[in-house]
Amino acid sequence: MYDSRPNLIIGFHGCEDAVKQNLINNSDSIQISQKPYDWLGHGMYFWENNYDRALEWADNKKKRGEIETPAVIGAVLQLGYCCDLLDSRYVQVLKDYYRLMVADYKVVGQELPENKDLKNDLHKDKILRVLDCRVIEYMHSEIHKKYQNDISLKGFSDLKIFESTRCVFTEGGPAYEGAGIFEKSHIQICIRNPDCIKGFFNPRKGTPFNRWVKGKIPN
């Protein structure tokens, strides 16, 4: 009953400026990430209500020589049927599929992938999430297989296909000595169904409201 996430969410995507302009002018030119270390599986990624982190991510890509002009594009998202890993129910679902994947790997004598640290990561945040990505993609694949099998046998299926994935990540060092709050904690959203993206927009810098009001209200 409460599986769907009908509310609208603002997300920010850090990227090359050319990619941003292309999305603004052609909203169907969505690029799906399919890297083996994507934190939440394959899809288009957004920082939930976090413009600064999206810009920081794009700036870091420039420092590594991966893009030329860092930019941030905003999006209005509706997550639909979401594998929301802030919900204990879906954490359990993922754990169940992890156990199935482990069994499948044992059958073929294959070693499980591992999440790994980048060499220069002082905080050991396991930035390369190869295991997590594989487990999530395994879950999606198995659900899709069951769905297709139901269609073939019965002509319908009660199963739902996940349209998005969402999770909170504690990242970076403590905000201060002894803190349980971390500097780079954030909520990340991975959109699998492009129709969950209701539109893109160019984020505006904003005007301090008190200054705006001062010039509008007569004395």
N, C-alpha and C. Protein backbone atom coordinates (compact mmCIF):
# COMPACT_ATOMS: atom_id res chain seq x y z
N MET A 1 0.82 -1.21 0.00
CA MET A 1 0.00 0.00 0.00
C MET A 1 0.86 1.27 0.00
N TYR A 2 2.01 1.19 0.69
CA TYR A 2 2.87 2.37 0.81
C TYR A 2 4.16 2.22 0.00
N ASP A 3 4.13 1.33 -1.01
CA ASP A 3 5.33 1.07 -1.81
C ASP A 3 5.70 2.23 -2.72
N SER A 4 4.69 2.91 -3.25
CA SER A 4 4.95 3.99 -4.20
C SER A 4 5.38 5.26 -3.47
N ARG A 5 6.26 6.02 -4.10
CA ARG A 5 6.71 7.31 -3.56
C ARG A 5 6.14 8.40 -4.46
N PRO A 6 4.90 8.88 -4.17
CA PRO A 6 4.21 9.80 -5.08
C PRO A 6 4.65 11.25 -4.98
N ASN A 7 5.33 11.61 -3.87
CA ASN A 7 5.70 13.02 -3.69
C ASN A 7 6.82 13.43 -4.64
N LEU A 8 6.87 14.72 -4.92
CA LEU A 8 7.91 15.26 -5.80
C LEU A 8 9.16 15.58 -4.99
N ILE A 9 10.31 15.31 -5.58
CA ILE A 9 11.61 15.55 -4.94
C ILE A 9 12.47 16.36 -5.90
N ILE A 10 13.24 17.29 -5.35
CA ILE A 10 14.21 18.03 -6.16
C ILE A 10 15.55 17.31 -6.09
N GLY A 11 16.12 17.03 -7.22
CA GLY A 11 17.43 16.41 -7.30
C GLY A 11 18.38 17.25 -8.12
N PHE A 12 19.68 17.11 -7.87
CA PHE A 12 20.70 17.84 -8.62
C PHE A 12 21.72 16.87 -9.17
N HIS A 13 22.08 17.11 -10.44
CA HIS A 13 23.00 16.23 -11.16
C HIS A 13 24.21 17.03 -11.61
N GLY A 14 25.39 16.66 -11.12
CA GLY A 14 26.62 17.32 -11.55
C GLY A 14 27.12 16.73 -12.86
N CYS A 15 27.57 17.59 -13.76
CA CYS A 15 27.94 17.10 -15.09
C CYS A 15 28.75 18.15 -15.85
N GLU A 16 29.15 17.80 -17.06
CA GLU A 16 29.76 18.74 -18.00
C GLU A 16 28.69 19.75 -18.45
N ASP A 17 29.07 20.99 -18.62
CA ASP A 17 28.10 22.02 -19.00
C ASP A 17 27.39 21.68 -20.30
N ALA A 18 28.10 21.06 -21.23
CA ALA A 18 27.48 20.69 -22.51
C ALA A 18 26.34 19.68 -22.29
N VAL A 19 26.54 18.77 -21.34
CA VAL A 19 25.50 17.79 -21.01
C VAL A 19 24.29 18.51 -20.41
N LYS A 20 24.55 19.46 -19.52
CA LYS A 20 23.47 20.24 -18.92
C LYS A 20 22.66 20.97 -19.98
N GLN A 21 23.34 21.67 -20.88
CA GLN A 21 22.64 22.43 -21.91
C GLN A 21 21.83 21.52 -22.82
N ASN A 22 22.37 20.35 -23.10
CA ASN A 22 21.66 19.39 -23.95
C ASN A 22 20.39 18.90 -23.27
N LEU A 23 20.46 18.65 -21.95
CA LEU A 23 19.27 18.20 -21.21
C LEU A 23 18.23 19.31 -21.10
N ILE A 24 18.69 20.55 -20.93
CA ILE A 24 17.76 21.68 -20.86
C ILE A 24 16.99 21.82 -22.18
N ASN A 25 17.70 21.64 -23.29
CA ASN A 25 17.09 21.83 -24.61
C ASN A 25 16.44 20.57 -25.16
N ASN A 26 16.87 19.42 -24.67
CA ASN A 26 16.31 18.15 -25.14
C ASN A 26 16.23 17.20 -23.95
N SER A 27 15.12 17.25 -23.24
CA SER A 27 14.99 16.52 -21.98
C SER A 27 14.98 15.00 -22.16
N ASP A 28 14.92 14.53 -23.39
CA ASP A 28 14.97 13.09 -23.63
C ASP A 28 16.39 12.57 -23.82
N SER A 29 17.37 13.46 -23.77
CA SER A 29 18.77 13.04 -23.98
C SER A 29 19.41 12.60 -22.67
N ILE A 30 18.71 11.72 -21.96
CA ILE A 30 19.16 11.25 -20.65
C ILE A 30 20.26 10.22 -20.81
N GLN A 31 21.32 10.39 -20.04
CA GLN A 31 22.44 9.46 -20.08
C GLN A 31 22.38 8.55 -18.86
N ILE A 32 22.33 7.24 -19.10
CA ILE A 32 22.26 6.25 -18.03
C ILE A 32 23.66 5.77 -17.69
N SER A 33 24.03 5.88 -16.42
CA SER A 33 25.33 5.38 -15.99
C SER A 33 25.27 3.86 -15.85
N GLN A 34 26.27 3.18 -16.40
CA GLN A 34 26.34 1.72 -16.30
C GLN A 34 27.73 1.28 -15.86
N LYS A 35 28.30 2.05 -14.96
CA LYS A 35 29.63 1.70 -14.45
C LYS A 35 29.51 0.53 -13.47
N PRO A 36 30.51 -0.33 -13.41
CA PRO A 36 30.43 -1.50 -12.52
C PRO A 36 30.49 -1.14 -11.04
N TYR A 37 30.86 0.10 -10.72
CA TYR A 37 30.96 0.51 -9.32
C TYR A 37 29.92 1.55 -8.93
N ASP A 38 28.87 1.72 -9.74
CA ASP A 38 27.78 2.63 -9.39
C ASP A 38 27.18 2.22 -8.05
N TRP A 39 27.02 3.17 -7.15
CA TRP A 39 26.63 2.86 -5.78
C TRP A 39 25.26 2.21 -5.67
N LEU A 40 24.33 2.60 -6.53
CA LEU A 40 22.96 2.09 -6.44
C LEU A 40 22.53 1.39 -7.73
N GLY A 41 23.48 0.83 -8.43
CA GLY A 41 23.15 0.18 -9.69
C GLY A 41 23.11 1.16 -10.83
N HIS A 42 22.62 0.72 -11.97
CA HIS A 42 22.65 1.52 -13.18
C HIS A 42 21.45 2.46 -13.26
N GLY A 43 21.69 3.66 -13.74
CA GLY A 43 20.62 4.65 -13.88
C GLY A 43 21.20 6.04 -13.97
N MET A 44 20.35 7.05 -13.86
CA MET A 44 20.80 8.44 -13.82
C MET A 44 20.79 8.89 -12.36
N TYR A 45 21.88 9.51 -11.94
CA TYR A 45 22.08 9.81 -10.52
C TYR A 45 21.80 11.26 -10.17
N PHE A 46 21.23 11.43 -8.97
CA PHE A 46 20.92 12.76 -8.45
C PHE A 46 21.26 12.82 -6.96
N TRP A 47 21.74 13.99 -6.54
CA TRP A 47 21.88 14.29 -5.13
C TRP A 47 20.56 14.89 -4.67
N GLU A 48 19.92 14.29 -3.68
CA GLU A 48 18.62 14.77 -3.24
C GLU A 48 18.77 16.11 -2.50
N ASN A 49 18.14 17.16 -3.06
CA ASN A 49 18.15 18.50 -2.44
C ASN A 49 19.54 18.94 -2.01
N ASN A 50 20.55 18.70 -2.85
CA ASN A 50 21.92 18.98 -2.44
C ASN A 50 22.71 19.53 -3.63
N TYR A 51 22.45 20.80 -3.93
CA TYR A 51 23.14 21.46 -5.05
C TYR A 51 24.65 21.50 -4.83
N ASP A 52 25.08 21.84 -3.60
CA ASP A 52 26.50 22.01 -3.33
C ASP A 52 27.30 20.73 -3.57
N ARG A 53 26.74 19.58 -3.17
CA ARG A 53 27.46 18.33 -3.38
C ARG A 53 27.52 17.98 -4.86
N ALA A 54 26.46 18.29 -5.60
CA ALA A 54 26.48 18.04 -7.04
C ALA A 54 27.57 18.87 -7.71
N LEU A 55 27.70 20.13 -7.29
CA LEU A 55 28.72 21.00 -7.86
C LEU A 55 30.12 20.54 -7.44
N GLU A 56 30.27 20.14 -6.19
CA GLU A 56 31.56 19.64 -5.71
C GLU A 56 31.98 18.41 -6.51
N TRP A 57 31.02 17.53 -6.77
CA TRP A 57 31.30 16.32 -7.54
C TRP A 57 31.77 16.67 -8.95
N ALA A 58 31.09 17.64 -9.57
CA ALA A 58 31.49 18.06 -10.91
C ALA A 58 32.86 18.75 -10.89
N ASP A 59 33.11 19.58 -9.87
CA ASP A 59 34.41 20.24 -9.74
C ASP A 59 35.54 19.22 -9.60
N ASN A 60 35.30 18.18 -8.83
CA ASN A 60 36.32 17.14 -8.65
C ASN A 60 36.60 16.40 -9.95
N LYS A 61 35.56 16.22 -10.77
CA LYS A 61 35.76 15.58 -12.07
C LYS A 61 36.64 16.45 -12.96
N LYS A 62 36.47 17.76 -12.85
CA LYS A 62 37.32 18.66 -13.62
C LYS A 62 38.78 18.55 -13.16
N LYS A 63 38.99 18.50 -11.84
CA LYS A 63 40.34 18.38 -11.30
C LYS A 63 41.02 17.10 -11.78
N ARG A 64 40.23 16.05 -12.02
CA ARG A 64 40.80 14.79 -12.51
C ARG A 64 40.93 14.77 -14.02
N GLY A 65 40.52 15.88 -14.66
CA GLY A 65 40.63 15.97 -16.12
C GLY A 65 39.56 15.22 -16.87
N GLU A 66 38.44 14.90 -16.21
CA GLU A 66 37.38 14.12 -16.85
C GLU A 66 36.34 14.99 -17.55
N ILE A 67 36.19 16.24 -17.11
CA ILE A 67 35.31 17.19 -17.79
C ILE A 67 36.01 18.54 -17.87
N GLU A 68 35.50 19.44 -18.71
CA GLU A 68 36.12 20.75 -18.89
C GLU A 68 35.41 21.84 -18.10
N THR A 69 34.08 21.87 -18.17
CA THR A 69 33.32 22.94 -17.53
C THR A 69 32.28 22.33 -16.58
N PRO A 70 32.53 22.37 -15.26
CA PRO A 70 31.58 21.79 -14.30
C PRO A 70 30.25 22.54 -14.30
N ALA A 71 29.17 21.81 -14.15
CA ALA A 71 27.84 22.42 -14.12
C ALA A 71 26.90 21.55 -13.30
N VAL A 72 25.77 22.12 -12.92
CA VAL A 72 24.74 21.38 -12.18
C VAL A 72 23.40 21.64 -12.84
N ILE A 73 22.66 20.56 -13.06
CA ILE A 73 21.30 20.69 -13.57
C ILE A 73 20.34 20.18 -12.51
N GLY A 74 19.21 20.86 -12.35
CA GLY A 74 18.20 20.43 -11.41
C GLY A 74 17.15 19.58 -12.10
N ALA A 75 16.46 18.77 -11.32
CA ALA A 75 15.40 17.93 -11.87
C ALA A 75 14.28 17.76 -10.84
N VAL A 76 13.07 17.70 -11.34
CA VAL A 76 11.91 17.37 -10.51
C VAL A 76 11.65 15.88 -10.68
N LEU A 77 11.72 15.15 -9.57
CA LEU A 77 11.64 13.69 -9.61
C LEU A 77 10.40 13.19 -8.87
N GLN A 78 9.83 12.12 -9.39
CA GLN A 78 8.80 11.37 -8.67
C GLN A 78 9.27 9.92 -8.71
N LEU A 79 9.61 9.36 -7.57
CA LEU A 79 10.35 8.11 -7.53
C LEU A 79 9.53 6.88 -7.90
N GLY A 80 8.21 7.00 -7.87
CA GLY A 80 7.37 5.86 -8.24
C GLY A 80 7.60 4.67 -7.34
N TYR A 81 7.68 3.47 -7.93
CA TYR A 81 7.96 2.26 -7.14
C TYR A 81 9.46 2.22 -6.88
N CYS A 82 9.84 2.59 -5.67
CA CYS A 82 11.23 2.85 -5.33
C CYS A 82 11.80 1.81 -4.38
N CYS A 83 12.98 1.31 -4.69
CA CYS A 83 13.72 0.48 -3.75
C CYS A 83 14.40 1.45 -2.79
N ASP A 84 13.66 1.88 -1.80
CA ASP A 84 14.12 2.92 -0.88
C ASP A 84 14.86 2.27 0.28
N LEU A 85 16.18 2.37 0.28
CA LEU A 85 16.99 1.71 1.28
C LEU A 85 17.09 2.50 2.58
N LEU A 86 16.25 3.53 2.71
CA LEU A 86 16.01 4.15 4.01
C LEU A 86 14.84 3.46 4.70
N ASP A 87 14.21 2.53 4.00
CA ASP A 87 13.08 1.76 4.51
C ASP A 87 13.58 0.35 4.82
N SER A 88 13.44 -0.10 6.06
CA SER A 88 13.99 -1.40 6.46
C SER A 88 13.43 -2.55 5.63
N ARG A 89 12.24 -2.38 5.11
CA ARG A 89 11.65 -3.44 4.29
C ARG A 89 12.50 -3.74 3.06
N TYR A 90 12.97 -2.70 2.42
CA TYR A 90 13.73 -2.89 1.19
C TYR A 90 15.18 -3.29 1.47
N VAL A 91 15.69 -2.92 2.62
CA VAL A 91 17.01 -3.43 3.02
C VAL A 91 16.94 -4.95 3.14
N GLN A 92 15.86 -5.45 3.72
CA GLN A 92 15.68 -6.89 3.85
C GLN A 92 15.54 -7.56 2.49
N VAL A 93 14.81 -6.92 1.59
CA VAL A 93 14.68 -7.46 0.23
C VAL A 93 16.05 -7.60 -0.42
N LEU A 94 16.88 -6.58 -0.28
CA LEU A 94 18.21 -6.60 -0.88
C LEU A 94 19.07 -7.69 -0.23
N LYS A 95 18.96 -7.84 1.09
CA LYS A 95 19.71 -8.89 1.80
C LYS A 95 19.31 -10.27 1.28
N ASP A 96 18.02 -10.47 1.02
CA ASP A 96 17.55 -11.76 0.51
C ASP A 96 18.16 -12.05 -0.87
N TYR A 97 18.21 -11.04 -1.72
CA TYR A 97 18.78 -11.26 -3.05
C TYR A 97 20.30 -11.43 -2.98
N TYR A 98 20.93 -10.80 -1.99
CA TYR A 98 22.36 -11.02 -1.80
C TYR A 98 22.63 -12.49 -1.50
N ARG A 99 21.81 -13.09 -0.62
CA ARG A 99 21.99 -14.51 -0.28
C ARG A 99 21.80 -15.40 -1.51
N LEU A 100 20.82 -15.06 -2.34
CA LEU A 100 20.61 -15.83 -3.58
C LEU A 100 21.81 -15.68 -4.52
N MET A 101 22.36 -14.48 -4.60
CA MET A 101 23.51 -14.25 -5.47
C MET A 101 24.73 -15.02 -4.98
N VAL A 102 24.93 -15.04 -3.66
CA VAL A 102 26.04 -15.80 -3.09
C VAL A 102 25.93 -17.28 -3.49
N ALA A 103 24.72 -17.83 -3.40
CA ALA A 103 24.50 -19.23 -3.76
C ALA A 103 24.80 -19.47 -5.24
N ASP A 104 24.38 -18.54 -6.09
CA ASP A 104 24.64 -18.68 -7.53
C ASP A 104 26.14 -18.63 -7.82
N TYR A 105 26.84 -17.74 -7.14
CA TYR A 105 28.29 -17.63 -7.35
C TYR A 105 29.00 -18.91 -6.91
N LYS A 106 28.54 -19.52 -5.82
CA LYS A 106 29.16 -20.76 -5.35
C LYS A 106 28.97 -21.89 -6.34
N VAL A 107 27.79 -21.95 -6.96
CA VAL A 107 27.50 -23.00 -7.93
C VAL A 107 28.49 -22.98 -9.08
N VAL A 108 28.83 -21.78 -9.55
CA VAL A 108 29.74 -21.67 -10.69
C VAL A 108 31.19 -21.48 -10.26
N GLY A 109 31.44 -21.49 -8.95
CA GLY A 109 32.80 -21.36 -8.45
C GLY A 109 33.42 -20.00 -8.68
N GLN A 110 32.59 -18.98 -8.63
CA GLN A 110 33.06 -17.61 -8.89
C GLN A 110 33.13 -16.83 -7.59
N GLU A 111 34.18 -16.02 -7.45
CA GLU A 111 34.32 -15.20 -6.24
C GLU A 111 33.45 -13.95 -6.33
N LEU A 112 32.92 -13.56 -5.20
CA LEU A 112 32.10 -12.34 -5.14
C LEU A 112 32.99 -11.11 -5.33
N PRO A 113 32.47 -10.09 -6.00
CA PRO A 113 33.21 -8.83 -6.08
C PRO A 113 33.25 -8.16 -4.72
N GLU A 114 34.10 -7.16 -4.57
CA GLU A 114 34.23 -6.45 -3.30
C GLU A 114 34.14 -4.95 -3.51
N ASN A 115 33.61 -4.26 -2.51
CA ASN A 115 33.71 -2.80 -2.49
C ASN A 115 35.15 -2.45 -2.12
N LYS A 116 35.69 -1.43 -2.80
CA LYS A 116 37.10 -1.11 -2.59
C LYS A 116 37.31 0.38 -2.34
N ASP A 117 38.40 0.68 -1.64
CA ASP A 117 38.78 2.07 -1.39
C ASP A 117 39.62 2.61 -2.54
N LEU A 118 39.48 3.89 -2.80
CA LEU A 118 40.42 4.57 -3.67
C LEU A 118 41.73 4.77 -2.91
N LYS A 119 42.84 4.78 -3.61
CA LYS A 119 44.14 4.89 -2.96
C LYS A 119 44.27 6.18 -2.15
N ASN A 120 43.69 7.26 -2.65
CA ASN A 120 43.85 8.56 -1.99
C ASN A 120 42.71 8.90 -1.04
N ASP A 121 41.86 7.92 -0.71
CA ASP A 121 40.73 8.18 0.17
C ASP A 121 41.16 8.00 1.63
N LEU A 122 41.33 9.10 2.33
CA LEU A 122 41.79 9.07 3.72
C LEU A 122 40.76 8.43 4.65
N HIS A 123 39.48 8.51 4.29
CA HIS A 123 38.41 8.07 5.19
C HIS A 123 37.93 6.65 4.92
N LYS A 124 38.50 6.01 3.88
CA LYS A 124 38.17 4.61 3.58
C LYS A 124 36.66 4.41 3.43
N ASP A 125 36.08 5.17 2.51
CA ASP A 125 34.63 5.16 2.32
C ASP A 125 34.14 4.12 1.31
N LYS A 126 35.06 3.27 0.84
CA LYS A 126 34.68 2.25 -0.14
C LYS A 126 33.98 2.90 -1.34
N ILE A 127 34.67 3.83 -1.96
CA ILE A 127 34.10 4.60 -3.06
C ILE A 127 33.73 3.72 -4.25
N LEU A 128 34.51 2.69 -4.50
CA LEU A 128 34.23 1.79 -5.63
C LEU A 128 33.31 0.68 -5.14
N ARG A 129 32.01 0.88 -5.33
CA ARG A 129 31.00 -0.03 -4.76
C ARG A 129 30.65 -1.16 -5.74
N VAL A 130 31.63 -1.96 -6.09
CA VAL A 130 31.42 -3.02 -7.09
C VAL A 130 30.46 -4.09 -6.56
N LEU A 131 30.62 -4.46 -5.29
CA LEU A 131 29.72 -5.46 -4.72
C LEU A 131 28.29 -4.94 -4.65
N ASP A 132 28.11 -3.74 -4.12
CA ASP A 132 26.76 -3.19 -3.99
C ASP A 132 26.08 -3.07 -5.34
N CYS A 133 26.83 -2.60 -6.33
CA CYS A 133 26.26 -2.46 -7.67
C CYS A 133 25.83 -3.82 -8.22
N ARG A 134 26.67 -4.83 -8.03
CA ARG A 134 26.35 -6.16 -8.55
C ARG A 134 25.13 -6.75 -7.86
N VAL A 135 25.02 -6.57 -6.54
CA VAL A 135 23.87 -7.10 -5.81
C VAL A 135 22.58 -6.43 -6.27
N ILE A 136 22.62 -5.11 -6.41
CA ILE A 136 21.42 -4.37 -6.82
C ILE A 136 21.01 -4.75 -8.24
N GLU A 137 21.99 -4.86 -9.13
CA GLU A 137 21.67 -5.25 -10.50
C GLU A 137 21.18 -6.70 -10.57
N TYR A 138 21.73 -7.55 -9.71
CA TYR A 138 21.25 -8.94 -9.62
C TYR A 138 19.78 -8.96 -9.20
N MET A 139 19.45 -8.15 -8.18
CA MET A 139 18.06 -8.06 -7.72
C MET A 139 17.14 -7.63 -8.86
N HIS A 140 17.51 -6.56 -9.56
CA HIS A 140 16.68 -6.08 -10.67
C HIS A 140 16.51 -7.17 -11.73
N SER A 141 17.60 -7.86 -12.05
CA SER A 141 17.56 -8.89 -13.09
C SER A 141 16.66 -10.05 -12.70
N GLU A 142 16.76 -10.49 -11.44
CA GLU A 142 15.95 -11.62 -10.99
C GLU A 142 14.47 -11.26 -10.95
N ILE A 143 14.17 -10.06 -10.50
CA ILE A 143 12.77 -9.62 -10.48
C ILE A 143 12.21 -9.56 -11.91
N HIS A 144 13.02 -9.05 -12.82
CA HIS A 144 12.58 -8.94 -14.21
C HIS A 144 12.35 -10.33 -14.82
N LYS A 145 13.22 -11.28 -14.49
CA LYS A 145 13.05 -12.65 -15.00
C LYS A 145 11.74 -13.25 -14.51
N LYS A 146 11.46 -13.07 -13.22
CA LYS A 146 10.21 -13.60 -12.64
C LYS A 146 9.00 -12.92 -13.28
N TYR A 147 9.12 -11.63 -13.50
CA TYR A 147 8.03 -10.87 -14.14
C TYR A 147 7.75 -11.40 -15.54
N GLN A 148 8.81 -11.59 -16.32
CA GLN A 148 8.66 -12.09 -17.70
C GLN A 148 8.11 -13.51 -17.71
N ASN A 149 8.53 -14.30 -16.74
CA ASN A 149 8.03 -15.68 -16.66
C ASN A 149 6.54 -15.71 -16.34
N ASP A 150 6.11 -14.82 -15.44
CA ASP A 150 4.68 -14.71 -15.12
C ASP A 150 3.87 -14.32 -16.36
N ILE A 151 4.39 -13.37 -17.10
CA ILE A 151 3.69 -12.92 -18.32
C ILE A 151 3.55 -14.07 -19.31
N SER A 152 4.63 -14.85 -19.45
CA SER A 152 4.60 -15.97 -20.40
C SER A 152 3.61 -17.04 -19.97
N LEU A 153 3.56 -17.30 -18.66
CA LEU A 153 2.70 -18.39 -18.18
C LEU A 153 1.25 -17.97 -17.97
N LYS A 154 1.06 -16.75 -17.43
CA LYS A 154 -0.29 -16.33 -17.03
C LYS A 154 -0.84 -15.15 -17.81
N GLY A 155 0.05 -14.43 -18.49
CA GLY A 155 -0.38 -13.24 -19.21
C GLY A 155 -0.39 -11.99 -18.35
N PHE A 156 -0.04 -12.14 -17.06
CA PHE A 156 0.03 -11.00 -16.16
C PHE A 156 1.00 -11.34 -15.03
N SER A 157 1.37 -10.33 -14.24
CA SER A 157 2.24 -10.56 -13.09
C SER A 157 1.88 -9.59 -11.97
N ASP A 158 1.92 -10.10 -10.75
CA ASP A 158 1.71 -9.26 -9.58
C ASP A 158 2.99 -8.56 -9.14
N LEU A 159 4.10 -8.94 -9.75
CA LEU A 159 5.37 -8.33 -9.39
C LEU A 159 5.47 -6.91 -9.95
N LYS A 160 6.20 -6.07 -9.24
CA LYS A 160 6.46 -4.72 -9.71
C LYS A 160 7.94 -4.57 -10.04
N ILE A 161 8.21 -3.77 -11.04
CA ILE A 161 9.59 -3.49 -11.42
C ILE A 161 10.02 -2.18 -10.76
N PHE A 162 11.14 -2.20 -10.06
CA PHE A 162 11.62 -0.98 -9.41
C PHE A 162 11.95 0.10 -10.45
N GLU A 163 11.45 1.31 -10.18
CA GLU A 163 11.69 2.43 -11.08
C GLU A 163 12.84 3.32 -10.62
N SER A 164 13.20 3.21 -9.36
CA SER A 164 14.26 4.04 -8.81
C SER A 164 14.84 3.36 -7.56
N THR A 165 16.00 3.82 -7.15
CA THR A 165 16.64 3.34 -5.93
C THR A 165 17.13 4.57 -5.16
N ARG A 166 17.02 4.51 -3.83
CA ARG A 166 17.36 5.67 -3.00
C ARG A 166 18.07 5.17 -1.74
N CYS A 167 19.09 5.90 -1.32
CA CYS A 167 19.80 5.48 -0.11
C CYS A 167 20.54 6.66 0.50
N VAL A 168 20.75 6.60 1.81
CA VAL A 168 21.57 7.59 2.50
C VAL A 168 22.98 7.02 2.65
N PHE A 169 23.97 7.88 2.51
CA PHE A 169 25.36 7.46 2.66
C PHE A 169 26.08 8.38 3.64
N THR A 170 26.76 7.78 4.63
CA THR A 170 27.62 8.54 5.51
C THR A 170 29.02 8.48 4.93
N GLU A 171 29.54 9.62 4.58
CA GLU A 171 30.80 9.68 3.82
C GLU A 171 31.65 10.83 4.36
N GLY A 172 32.96 10.70 4.23
CA GLY A 172 33.86 11.73 4.71
C GLY A 172 34.13 11.56 6.21
N GLY A 173 34.98 12.39 6.73
CA GLY A 173 35.32 12.30 8.15
C GLY A 173 34.27 12.95 9.03
N PRO A 174 34.37 12.77 10.35
CA PRO A 174 33.44 13.40 11.28
C PRO A 174 33.45 14.91 11.13
N ALA A 175 32.29 15.53 11.30
CA ALA A 175 32.17 16.98 11.14
C ALA A 175 32.98 17.72 12.21
N TYR A 176 33.18 17.08 13.35
CA TYR A 176 34.00 17.64 14.43
C TYR A 176 34.41 16.48 15.32
N GLU A 177 35.32 16.70 16.23
CA GLU A 177 35.86 15.63 17.06
C GLU A 177 34.75 14.95 17.86
N GLY A 178 34.68 13.64 17.73
CA GLY A 178 33.68 12.86 18.45
C GLY A 178 32.31 12.86 17.82
N ALA A 179 32.17 13.47 16.66
CA ALA A 179 30.85 13.61 16.02
C ALA A 179 30.35 12.30 15.42
N GLY A 180 29.03 12.13 15.44
CA GLY A 180 28.38 11.06 14.70
C GLY A 180 27.81 11.58 13.39
N ILE A 181 28.13 12.83 13.08
CA ILE A 181 27.70 13.48 11.84
C ILE A 181 28.93 13.60 10.94
N PHE A 182 28.76 13.21 9.68
CA PHE A 182 29.89 13.18 8.77
C PHE A 182 29.79 14.28 7.71
N GLU A 183 30.95 14.76 7.28
CA GLU A 183 31.01 15.94 6.41
C GLU A 183 30.31 15.75 5.07
N LYS A 184 30.34 14.56 4.54
CA LYS A 184 29.80 14.35 3.19
C LYS A 184 28.56 13.46 3.17
N SER A 185 27.88 13.33 4.30
CA SER A 185 26.66 12.52 4.30
C SER A 185 25.63 13.10 3.34
N HIS A 186 24.92 12.23 2.64
CA HIS A 186 23.97 12.71 1.63
C HIS A 186 22.98 11.60 1.29
N ILE A 187 21.93 11.98 0.60
CA ILE A 187 20.98 11.02 0.04
C ILE A 187 21.16 11.01 -1.47
N GLN A 188 21.35 9.81 -1.99
CA GLN A 188 21.56 9.65 -3.42
C GLN A 188 20.36 8.92 -4.03
N ILE A 189 20.00 9.35 -5.23
CA ILE A 189 18.88 8.75 -5.95
C ILE A 189 19.37 8.26 -7.30
N CYS A 190 19.00 7.03 -7.62
CA CYS A 190 19.30 6.45 -8.93
C CYS A 190 17.98 6.22 -9.66
N ILE A 191 17.80 6.90 -10.76
CA ILE A 191 16.56 6.77 -11.54
C ILE A 191 16.74 5.73 -12.63
N ARG A 192 15.89 4.70 -12.60
CA ARG A 192 15.94 3.64 -13.61
C ARG A 192 14.92 3.90 -14.73
N ASN A 193 13.75 4.37 -14.35
CA ASN A 193 12.70 4.68 -15.32
C ASN A 193 12.77 6.17 -15.66
N PRO A 194 13.16 6.54 -16.88
CA PRO A 194 13.29 7.96 -17.22
C PRO A 194 12.02 8.77 -16.99
N ASP A 195 10.85 8.11 -17.01
CA ASP A 195 9.60 8.83 -16.80
C ASP A 195 9.43 9.31 -15.35
N CYS A 196 10.33 8.87 -14.46
CA CYS A 196 10.33 9.40 -13.09
C CYS A 196 10.89 10.82 -13.06
N ILE A 197 11.57 11.20 -14.13
CA ILE A 197 12.10 12.56 -14.24
C ILE A 197 11.04 13.41 -14.91
N LYS A 198 10.39 14.27 -14.15
CA LYS A 198 9.28 15.05 -14.67
C LYS A 198 9.74 16.28 -15.45
N GLY A 199 10.97 16.68 -15.23
CA GLY A 199 11.49 17.83 -15.97
C GLY A 199 12.83 18.27 -15.41
N PHE A 200 13.61 18.95 -16.25
CA PHE A 200 14.89 19.52 -15.84
C PHE A 200 14.77 21.03 -15.73
N PHE A 201 15.63 21.63 -14.93
CA PHE A 201 15.63 23.08 -14.84
C PHE A 201 17.03 23.59 -14.55
N ASN A 202 17.24 24.85 -14.89
CA ASN A 202 18.51 25.51 -14.63
C ASN A 202 18.43 26.13 -13.23
N PRO A 203 19.18 25.63 -12.25
CA PRO A 203 19.06 26.16 -10.89
C PRO A 203 19.42 27.65 -10.84
N ARG A 204 18.62 28.42 -10.13
CA ARG A 204 18.89 29.84 -9.97
C ARG A 204 19.58 30.07 -8.63
N LYS A 205 20.33 31.17 -8.54
CA LYS A 205 21.08 31.47 -7.33
C LYS A 205 20.18 31.97 -6.21
N GLY A 206 19.10 32.62 -6.56
CA GLY A 206 18.17 33.10 -5.54
C GLY A 206 18.50 34.51 -5.07
N THR A 207 17.51 35.16 -4.52
CA THR A 207 17.64 36.52 -4.00
C THR A 207 17.23 36.53 -2.53
N PRO A 208 18.05 37.09 -1.63
CA PRO A 208 17.65 37.15 -0.22
C PRO A 208 16.28 37.80 -0.07
N PHE A 209 15.35 37.08 0.55
CA PHE A 209 13.96 37.54 0.58
C PHE A 209 13.81 38.86 1.33
N ASN A 210 14.58 39.07 2.39
CA ASN A 210 14.44 40.31 3.16
C ASN A 210 14.82 41.54 2.32
N ARG A 211 15.80 41.37 1.44
CA ARG A 211 16.18 42.48 0.55
C ARG A 211 15.10 42.72 -0.49
N TRP A 212 14.53 41.63 -0.97
CA TRP A 212 13.48 41.76 -1.99
C TRP A 212 12.26 42.46 -1.39
N VAL A 213 11.88 42.05 -0.18
CA VAL A 213 10.70 42.62 0.47
C VAL A 213 10.91 44.10 0.77
N LYS A 214 12.12 44.48 1.18
CA LYS A 214 12.41 45.86 1.52
C LYS A 214 12.11 46.81 0.39
N GLY A 215 12.34 46.38 -0.83
CA GLY A 215 12.11 47.23 -1.97
C GLY A 215 10.68 47.18 -2.51
N LYS A 216 9.85 46.25 -1.96
CA LYS A 216 8.51 46.07 -2.47
C LYS A 216 7.41 46.61 -1.56
N ILE A 217 7.68 46.64 -0.25
CA ILE A 217 6.65 47.06 0.69
C ILE A 217 6.80 48.56 0.95
N PRO A 218 5.74 49.34 0.73
CA PRO A 218 5.81 50.78 0.96
C PRO A 218 5.94 51.11 2.44
N ASN A 219 6.60 52.22 2.75
CA ASN A 219 6.75 52.65 4.15
C ASN A 219 5.42 53.21 4.69
